[in-house]
Amino acid sequence: MAIPVAPIGRIIKDAGAERVSEDAKKELNAYVEAQAAKVAKKAIKFAELAKRKTVKAEDIELAISEL
């Protein structure tokens, strides 16, 4: 996992959960990582279309808006 599980647990708790199981943290973590990978791949394509090697915030924003 690229994203630590602890911050995912804090996100769930901040949303109002009193307690969070490890399985719940891992499940949300897997989902977040999968979505982040989709956004990243699309953002990379936008950067390539702009003939850049650097992915910029605008590429991420465009990728998010298209998903």
C-alpha atoms as a PDB file:
ATOM      1  CA  MET A   1       0.000   0.000   0.000  1.00  0.00           C
ATOM      2  CA  ALA A   2       1.300   3.408  -0.973  1.00  0.00           C
ATOM      3  CA  ILE A   3      -0.994   5.306   1.391  1.00  0.00           C
ATOM      4  CA  PRO A   4      -0.651   4.568   5.118  1.00  0.00           C
ATOM      5  CA  VAL A   5      -3.740   3.080   6.774  1.00  0.00           C
ATOM      6  CA  ALA A   6      -3.669   5.348   9.858  1.00  0.00           C
ATOM      7  CA  PRO A   7      -4.675   8.546   7.997  1.00  0.00           C
ATOM      8  CA  ILE A   8      -7.514   6.622   6.349  1.00  0.00           C
ATOM      9  CA  GLY A   9      -8.760   5.681   9.820  1.00  0.00           C
ATOM     10  CA  ARG A  10      -8.630   9.337  10.863  1.00  0.00           C
ATOM     11  CA  ILE A  11     -10.659  10.323   7.803  1.00  0.00           C
ATOM     12  CA  ILE A  12     -13.362   7.812   8.732  1.00  0.00           C
ATOM     13  CA  LYS A  13     -13.346   9.001  12.357  1.00  0.00           C
ATOM     14  CA  ASP A  14     -13.478  12.645  11.254  1.00  0.00           C
ATOM     15  CA  ALA A  15     -16.563  11.711   9.235  1.00  0.00           C
ATOM     16  CA  GLY A  16     -18.234  10.684  12.487  1.00  0.00           C
ATOM     17  CA  ALA A  17     -17.361   7.052  13.203  1.00  0.00           C
ATOM     18  CA  GLU A  18     -16.752   6.241  16.840  1.00  0.00           C
ATOM     19  CA  ARG A  19     -14.651   3.167  16.095  1.00  0.00           C
ATOM     20  CA  VAL A  20     -13.163   1.804  12.873  1.00  0.00           C
ATOM     21  CA  SER A  21     -12.069  -1.771  12.188  1.00  0.00           C
ATOM     22  CA  GLU A  22      -8.762  -2.531  10.471  1.00  0.00           C
ATOM     23  CA  ASP A  23     -10.707  -4.221   7.661  1.00  0.00           C
ATOM     24  CA  ALA A  24     -12.711  -1.041   7.073  1.00  0.00           C
ATOM     25  CA  LYS A  25      -9.531   1.048   6.946  1.00  0.00           C
ATOM     26  CA  LYS A  26      -7.898  -1.370   4.507  1.00  0.00           C
ATOM     27  CA  GLU A  27     -10.993  -1.497   2.285  1.00  0.00           C
ATOM     28  CA  LEU A  28     -11.250   2.291   2.007  1.00  0.00           C
ATOM     29  CA  ASN A  29      -7.492   2.482   1.522  1.00  0.00           C
ATOM     30  CA  ALA A  30      -7.662   0.082  -1.432  1.00  0.00           C
ATOM     31  CA  TYR A  31     -10.472   2.135  -2.987  1.00  0.00           C
ATOM     32  CA  VAL A  32      -8.656   5.450  -2.497  1.00  0.00           C
ATOM     33  CA  GLU A  33      -5.448   4.059  -3.997  1.00  0.00           C
ATOM     34  CA  ALA A  34      -7.312   2.648  -7.011  1.00  0.00           C
ATOM     35  CA  GLN A  35      -9.055   5.964  -7.657  1.00  0.00           C
ATOM     36  CA  ALA A  36      -5.801   7.885  -7.198  1.00  0.00           C
ATOM     37  CA  ALA A  37      -4.092   5.619  -9.735  1.00  0.00           C
ATOM     38  CA  LYS A  38      -6.883   6.268 -12.270  1.00  0.00           C
ATOM     39  CA  VAL A  39      -6.578  10.021 -11.783  1.00  0.00           C
ATOM     40  CA  ALA A  40      -2.792   9.876 -12.042  1.00  0.00           C
ATOM     41  CA  LYS A  41      -2.858   7.896 -15.305  1.00  0.00           C
ATOM     42  CA  LYS A  42      -5.320  10.313 -16.867  1.00  0.00           C
ATOM     43  CA  ALA A  43      -3.316  13.325 -15.622  1.00  0.00           C
ATOM     44  CA  ILE A  44      -0.152  11.879 -17.147  1.00  0.00           C
ATOM     45  CA  LYS A  45      -1.937  11.673 -20.508  1.00  0.00           C
ATOM     46  CA  PHE A  46      -2.915  15.348 -20.231  1.00  0.00           C
ATOM     47  CA  ALA A  47       0.683  16.307 -19.446  1.00  0.00           C
ATOM     48  CA  GLU A  48       1.905  14.274 -22.428  1.00  0.00           C
ATOM     49  CA  LEU A  49      -0.637  15.944 -24.714  1.00  0.00           C
ATOM     50  CA  ALA A  50       0.735  19.290 -23.556  1.00  0.00           C
ATOM     51  CA  LYS A  51       4.244  17.975 -24.381  1.00  0.00           C
ATOM     52  CA  ARG A  52       5.331  18.147 -20.741  1.00  0.00           C
ATOM     53  CA  LYS A  53       7.049  15.589 -18.538  1.00  0.00           C
ATOM     54  CA  THR A  54       5.803  17.322 -15.408  1.00  0.00           C
ATOM     55  CA  VAL A  55       2.273  16.589 -14.193  1.00  0.00           C
ATOM     56  CA  LYS A  56       0.746  19.830 -12.938  1.00  0.00           C
ATOM     57  CA  ALA A  57      -2.206  20.552 -10.677  1.00  0.00           C
ATOM     58  CA  GLU A  58      -4.240  21.542 -13.730  1.00  0.00           C
ATOM     59  CA  ASP A  59      -3.694  18.044 -15.174  1.00  0.00           C
ATOM     60  CA  ILE A  60      -4.977  16.491 -11.953  1.00  0.00           C
ATOM     61  CA  GLU A  61      -7.978  18.832 -11.932  1.00  0.00           C
ATOM     62  CA  LEU A  62      -8.830  17.938 -15.544  1.00  0.00           C
ATOM     63  CA  ALA A  63      -8.454  14.234 -14.828  1.00  0.00           C
ATOM     64  CA  ILE A  64     -10.741  14.448 -11.797  1.00  0.00           C
ATOM     65  CA  SER A  65     -13.363  16.369 -13.750  1.00  0.00           C
ATOM     66  CA  GLU A  66     -13.421  13.674 -16.439  1.00  0.00           C
ATOM     67  CA  LEU A  67     -13.825  10.704 -14.096  1.00  0.00           C
END
